[in-house]
């Protein structure tokens, strides 16, 4: 088990990793700079996610820098050992397939939103996504505006203005350390 401090670079864009990282604790972001110089979040990795040697074709280059967002603990697996485990144990191969399918769906959804929604619409979509698993529609802790902006590919200022407008209109409200989605149907109507 390896530990990494916040803001540590786990992998660099262009690396040819021979290991896979299985995230056990913490979060990491795969980040790259767009043609316009804006920082782009390619993937967010959470506990249970796998990245590194699996990210591309065998022997391929890493597509982005992978940076620890908070303290990270990860199990490092040599690619050959992971492949051997998947070949020997069908349940591991199936779990890997599900993991990669989940990542593909999330990436496809973000691409669709980036192409079809305005920046405020993407902020609303992300707030709905963050609140969907909580019965009270609470996002705990409330999202950090700069992280929210990075996730949806907009500026911190745009994300801040959008959240402020939603608060003023009563579609969301602050409650201690949480942001509550008060009117999900009305928030969905903001997806333009």
Protein backbone atom coordinates (compact mmCIF):
# COMPACT_ATOMS: atom_id res chain seq x y z
CA UNK A 1 0.00 0.00 0.00
CA UNK A 2 1.37 3.42 -0.99
CA UNK A 3 0.33 6.81 0.40
CA UNK A 4 0.39 10.15 -1.40
CA UNK A 5 -0.07 13.64 -0.01
CA UNK A 6 -2.63 16.05 -1.52
CA UNK A 7 -1.40 17.61 -4.79
CA UNK A 8 1.10 14.78 -5.36
CA UNK A 9 1.47 13.73 -8.98
CA UNK A 10 0.85 9.99 -9.23
CA UNK A 11 1.31 9.76 -13.00
CA UNK A 12 2.46 12.31 -15.57
CA UNK A 13 1.01 12.85 -19.02
CA UNK A 14 3.19 10.96 -21.48
CA UNK A 15 4.37 8.36 -18.92
CA UNK A 16 4.27 4.74 -20.05
CA UNK A 17 3.05 3.13 -16.83
CA UNK A 18 3.69 -0.53 -16.15
CA UNK A 19 1.56 -0.51 -13.02
CA UNK A 20 -2.08 -0.02 -12.20
CA UNK A 21 -3.23 1.99 -9.19
CA UNK A 22 -6.20 0.64 -7.22
CA UNK A 23 -7.46 3.59 -5.20
CA UNK A 24 -8.31 2.54 -1.65
CA UNK A 25 -8.70 5.93 0.04
CA UNK A 26 -9.02 9.50 -1.20
CA UNK A 27 -9.63 11.05 -4.61
CA UNK A 28 -7.42 11.81 -7.60
CA UNK A 29 -8.01 13.78 -10.79
CA UNK A 30 -6.74 13.09 -14.29
CA UNK A 31 -6.01 16.62 -15.55
CA UNK A 32 -4.75 18.08 -18.78
CA UNK A 33 -4.58 21.48 -20.40
CA UNK A 34 -6.82 22.21 -23.36
CA UNK A 35 -5.70 24.02 -26.49
CA UNK A 36 -6.92 27.29 -24.94
CA UNK A 37 -4.78 26.72 -21.83
CA UNK A 38 -7.77 25.90 -19.61
CA UNK A 39 -7.35 23.04 -17.15
CA UNK A 40 -9.63 20.12 -18.08
CA UNK A 41 -10.77 17.34 -15.75
CA UNK A 42 -10.65 14.13 -17.76
CA UNK A 43 -11.55 11.70 -14.94
CA UNK A 44 -12.18 11.75 -11.23
CA UNK A 45 -10.96 8.64 -9.42
CA UNK A 46 -12.56 7.54 -6.14
CA UNK A 47 -12.00 4.52 -3.88
CA UNK A 48 -12.40 1.32 -5.89
CA UNK A 49 -11.27 2.93 -9.16
CA UNK A 50 -8.36 1.59 -11.14
CA UNK A 51 -6.07 3.71 -13.33
CA UNK A 52 -2.60 3.68 -14.75
CA UNK A 53 -1.58 0.81 -17.00
CA UNK A 54 -5.25 0.11 -17.76
CA UNK A 55 -5.91 3.68 -18.86
CA UNK A 56 -4.86 3.04 -22.43
CA UNK A 57 -3.59 0.35 -24.73
CA UNK A 58 -0.83 -1.84 -23.28
CA UNK A 59 2.40 0.11 -23.45
CA UNK A 60 0.48 3.28 -24.30
CA UNK A 61 1.18 6.72 -22.92
CA UNK A 62 -0.73 8.22 -20.00
CA UNK A 63 -3.25 10.71 -21.40
CA UNK A 64 -3.17 13.18 -18.49
CA UNK A 65 -1.47 14.03 -15.21
CA UNK A 66 -3.07 12.14 -12.32
CA UNK A 67 -2.95 14.30 -9.18
CA UNK A 68 -4.08 13.49 -5.63
CA UNK A 69 -6.93 15.82 -4.62
CA UNK A 70 -6.69 14.72 -0.99
CA UNK A 71 -4.57 12.16 0.85
CA UNK A 72 -4.55 9.02 -1.30
CA UNK A 73 -3.80 5.43 -0.44
CA UNK A 74 -3.43 3.05 -3.34
CA UNK A 75 -2.48 -0.53 -3.99
CA UNK A 76 -0.01 -0.76 -6.88
CA UNK A 77 -0.29 -3.78 -9.15
CA UNK A 78 2.03 -4.75 -11.96
CA UNK A 79 0.07 -4.95 -15.19
CA UNK A 80 1.13 -8.53 -15.88
CA UNK A 81 -0.03 -9.64 -12.43
CA UNK A 82 -3.40 -7.91 -12.88
CA UNK A 83 -3.89 -9.51 -16.29
CA UNK A 84 -2.99 -12.93 -14.85
CA UNK A 85 -5.54 -12.43 -12.03
CA UNK A 86 -8.24 -11.46 -14.53
CA UNK A 87 -7.46 -14.48 -16.72
CA UNK A 88 -7.49 -16.86 -13.74
CA UNK A 89 -10.54 -15.45 -11.99
CA UNK A 90 -13.51 -14.56 -14.14
CA UNK A 91 -15.05 -12.42 -11.38
CA UNK A 92 -12.03 -10.09 -11.49
CA UNK A 93 -12.23 -9.82 -15.27
CA UNK A 94 -15.96 -9.08 -14.98
CA UNK A 95 -15.33 -6.44 -12.29
CA UNK A 96 -12.71 -4.80 -14.53
CA UNK A 97 -15.15 -4.79 -17.45
CA UNK A 98 -17.84 -3.17 -15.29
CA UNK A 99 -15.39 -0.58 -14.01
CA UNK A 100 -14.31 0.37 -17.52
CA UNK A 101 -17.92 0.46 -18.76
CA UNK A 102 -18.87 2.76 -15.87
CA UNK A 103 -15.97 5.08 -16.76
CA UNK A 104 -16.97 5.05 -20.45
CA UNK A 105 -20.57 5.96 -19.58
CA UNK A 106 -19.45 8.81 -17.31
CA UNK A 107 -17.11 10.13 -20.00
CA UNK A 108 -19.85 9.89 -22.65
CA UNK A 109 -22.29 11.76 -20.39
CA UNK A 110 -19.75 14.55 -19.80
CA UNK A 111 -19.01 14.80 -23.53
CA UNK A 112 -22.73 15.03 -24.28
CA UNK A 113 -23.22 17.72 -21.63
CA UNK A 114 -20.20 19.69 -22.84
CA UNK A 115 -21.54 19.66 -26.38
CA UNK A 116 -25.20 20.38 -25.62
CA UNK A 117 -25.44 22.36 -22.37
CA UNK A 118 -24.39 25.87 -21.48
CA UNK A 119 -21.89 26.30 -18.65
CA UNK A 120 -24.68 27.14 -16.14
CA UNK A 121 -26.61 24.11 -17.42
CA UNK A 122 -23.58 21.89 -16.75
CA UNK A 123 -23.33 23.28 -13.20
CA UNK A 124 -27.01 22.41 -12.64
CA UNK A 125 -26.51 18.93 -14.09
CA UNK A 126 -23.57 18.30 -11.77
CA UNK A 127 -25.51 19.48 -8.71
CA UNK A 128 -28.34 17.11 -9.64
CA UNK A 129 -25.83 14.27 -10.11
CA UNK A 130 -24.17 14.95 -6.74
CA UNK A 131 -27.55 15.05 -4.92
CA UNK A 132 -29.22 12.07 -6.59
CA UNK A 133 -28.10 9.36 -4.13
CA UNK A 134 -29.20 11.20 -0.98
CA UNK A 135 -32.89 10.93 0.01
CA UNK A 136 -32.80 14.54 1.28
CA UNK A 137 -31.05 15.64 -1.94
CA UNK A 138 -28.17 16.93 0.19
CA UNK A 139 -24.65 17.35 -1.13
CA UNK A 140 -22.30 16.88 1.83
CA UNK A 141 -19.96 18.59 2.11
CA UNK A 142 -21.13 21.43 -0.12
CA UNK A 143 -19.06 21.44 -3.30
CA UNK A 144 -16.02 23.70 -3.49
CA UNK A 145 -16.82 26.11 -6.32
CA UNK A 146 -13.41 25.78 -7.99
CA UNK A 147 -13.73 21.97 -7.98
CA UNK A 148 -17.29 22.20 -9.31
CA UNK A 149 -16.09 24.47 -12.12
CA UNK A 150 -13.26 22.08 -12.98
CA UNK A 151 -15.65 19.11 -13.11
CA UNK A 152 -17.99 20.81 -15.58
CA UNK A 153 -15.38 22.60 -17.66
CA UNK A 154 -16.13 26.21 -16.85
CA UNK A 155 -14.59 29.06 -14.90
CA UNK A 156 -14.85 29.45 -11.15
CA UNK A 157 -16.64 32.76 -11.70
CA UNK A 158 -19.34 31.18 -13.88
CA UNK A 159 -19.89 28.35 -11.40
CA UNK A 160 -20.07 30.85 -8.52
CA UNK A 161 -22.58 33.07 -10.35
CA UNK A 162 -24.71 30.05 -11.22
CA UNK A 163 -24.81 28.70 -7.65
CA UNK A 164 -25.52 32.20 -6.29
CA UNK A 165 -28.43 32.60 -8.74
CA UNK A 166 -29.81 29.19 -7.75
CA UNK A 167 -29.60 30.15 -4.07
CA UNK A 168 -31.38 33.48 -4.70
CA UNK A 169 -34.14 31.73 -6.64
CA UNK A 170 -34.61 29.08 -3.93
CA UNK A 171 -33.74 26.09 -6.13
CA UNK A 172 -30.92 25.17 -3.74
CA UNK A 173 -30.17 26.23 -0.16
CA UNK A 174 -27.27 25.99 2.23
CA UNK A 175 -27.74 24.00 5.42
CA UNK A 176 -24.62 23.92 7.58
CA UNK A 177 -21.94 22.15 5.58
CA UNK A 178 -24.43 20.90 2.96
CA UNK A 179 -26.01 22.23 -0.19
CA UNK A 180 -29.61 21.00 -0.53
CA UNK A 181 -31.33 20.69 -3.91
CA UNK A 182 -34.77 22.01 -2.96
CA UNK A 183 -36.47 21.87 -6.36
CA UNK A 184 -34.92 19.15 -8.55
CA UNK A 185 -37.57 19.45 -11.28
CA UNK A 186 -37.01 23.21 -11.55
CA UNK A 187 -33.25 22.64 -11.53
CA UNK A 188 -33.66 20.15 -14.39
CA UNK A 189 -35.44 22.88 -16.34
CA UNK A 190 -32.22 24.91 -16.08
CA UNK A 191 -30.36 22.33 -18.21
CA UNK A 192 -29.99 24.48 -21.32
